[in-house]
Amino acid sequence: MEQAESPNQARPSEPVRRLDCYVGIKPCGCMVAWVYDDPKYPKDVAKSVADFIKRGYSVERANTDDVRHKLSKCKCAKPSNDPSSPVTVAR
């Protein structure tokens, strides 16, 4: 008779995902930028992350394999009538 698996037991076959990159996420939730965290080029990585922040993106660590499936152009971008927005719509 098989024993039921306890929810507290670790599953030995699950690989640990390495967080090897940084992603830039727009306020709407779209993941639009990423940089691989290459230890050979820490200054370049830092510049990219600083650029993400400058553009207003939130920055998170992620796994490169996961990012490849989620990264895309923002589909939420719509023209705005907000005068503080850099893009205005003429009527």
Protein backbone atom coordinates (compact mmCIF):
# COMPACT_ATOMS: atom_id res chain seq x y z
CA MET A 1 0.00 0.00 0.00
CA GLU A 2 1.40 3.43 -1.01
CA GLN A 3 1.75 6.16 1.56
CA ALA A 4 0.15 9.53 0.77
CA GLU A 5 2.64 12.34 0.27
CA SER A 6 2.67 14.93 3.02
CA PRO A 7 2.52 18.57 1.85
CA ASN A 8 5.54 19.32 4.05
CA GLN A 9 7.80 16.74 2.38
CA ALA A 10 10.38 18.09 -0.07
CA ARG A 11 10.22 16.81 -3.61
CA PRO A 12 13.72 15.60 -4.52
CA SER A 13 13.19 15.81 -8.30
CA GLU A 14 12.52 19.59 -8.40
CA PRO A 15 15.57 21.49 -9.67
CA VAL A 16 16.59 24.74 -8.01
CA ARG A 17 16.14 27.67 -10.42
CA ARG A 18 19.13 30.00 -10.46
CA LEU A 19 18.33 33.70 -10.51
CA ASP A 20 20.86 34.80 -13.13
CA CYS A 21 19.41 37.99 -14.58
CA TYR A 22 17.55 41.20 -13.78
CA VAL A 23 14.25 42.16 -15.41
CA GLY A 24 12.56 45.52 -15.87
CA ILE A 25 8.80 45.50 -15.29
CA LYS A 26 6.57 48.42 -16.26
CA PRO A 27 3.91 49.64 -13.78
CA CYS A 28 1.25 47.85 -15.87
CA GLY A 29 3.02 44.53 -15.16
CA CYS A 30 4.55 43.93 -18.60
CA MET A 31 8.13 42.58 -18.51
CA VAL A 32 9.90 44.67 -21.15
CA ALA A 33 13.65 44.54 -20.42
CA TRP A 34 16.28 42.17 -19.06
CA VAL A 35 20.02 41.89 -18.58
CA TYR A 36 22.07 38.78 -17.84
CA ASP A 37 24.00 39.14 -14.57
CA ASP A 38 27.43 38.36 -16.01
CA PRO A 39 30.13 38.46 -13.30
CA LYS A 40 32.69 39.44 -15.97
CA TYR A 41 30.86 42.75 -16.63
CA PRO A 42 29.43 44.06 -13.34
CA LYS A 43 29.60 47.72 -14.43
CA ASP A 44 27.62 47.04 -17.61
CA VAL A 45 25.00 45.12 -15.64
CA ALA A 46 24.76 47.98 -13.13
CA LYS A 47 24.32 50.51 -15.97
CA SER A 48 21.49 48.46 -17.44
CA VAL A 49 19.73 48.12 -14.09
CA ALA A 50 20.16 51.88 -13.49
CA ASP A 51 18.58 52.51 -16.90
CA PHE A 52 15.60 50.29 -15.99
CA ILE A 53 15.08 52.33 -12.82
CA LYS A 54 15.48 55.62 -14.72
CA ARG A 55 12.73 54.50 -17.12
CA GLY A 56 10.43 53.82 -14.17
CA TYR A 57 10.56 50.03 -14.27
CA SER A 58 10.58 47.93 -11.14
CA VAL A 59 13.59 45.60 -11.08
CA GLU A 60 13.52 41.97 -10.00
CA ARG A 61 15.90 39.00 -10.13
CA ALA A 62 14.76 36.20 -12.41
CA ASN A 63 15.78 33.01 -14.18
CA THR A 64 16.86 33.48 -17.80
CA ASP A 65 14.85 30.49 -19.04
CA ASP A 66 11.68 31.90 -17.46
CA VAL A 67 12.32 35.39 -18.84
CA ARG A 68 12.58 34.16 -22.42
CA HIS A 69 8.94 33.09 -22.28
CA LYS A 70 7.62 36.24 -20.56
CA LEU A 71 9.58 39.08 -22.19
CA SER A 72 7.63 41.03 -24.80
CA LYS A 73 6.67 44.49 -25.99
CA CYS A 74 4.15 46.21 -23.75
CA LYS A 75 0.69 45.52 -25.12
CA CYS A 76 -0.85 47.95 -22.63
CA ALA A 77 0.67 51.08 -24.18
CA LYS A 78 -2.12 53.42 -25.19
CA PRO A 79 -2.06 57.11 -26.07
CA SER A 80 -2.77 59.33 -23.08
CA ASN A 81 -4.43 62.72 -22.68
CA ASP A 82 -2.51 63.28 -19.44
CA PRO A 83 -0.51 66.54 -19.89
CA SER A 84 2.37 65.12 -17.82
CA SER A 85 2.71 62.25 -20.27
CA PRO A 86 5.46 62.64 -22.90
CA VAL A 87 2.95 61.59 -25.59
CA THR A 88 -0.21 63.64 -26.05
CA VAL A 89 -3.12 62.99 -28.38
CA ALA A 90 -4.22 65.83 -30.68
CA ARG A 91 -7.97 66.22 -31.09
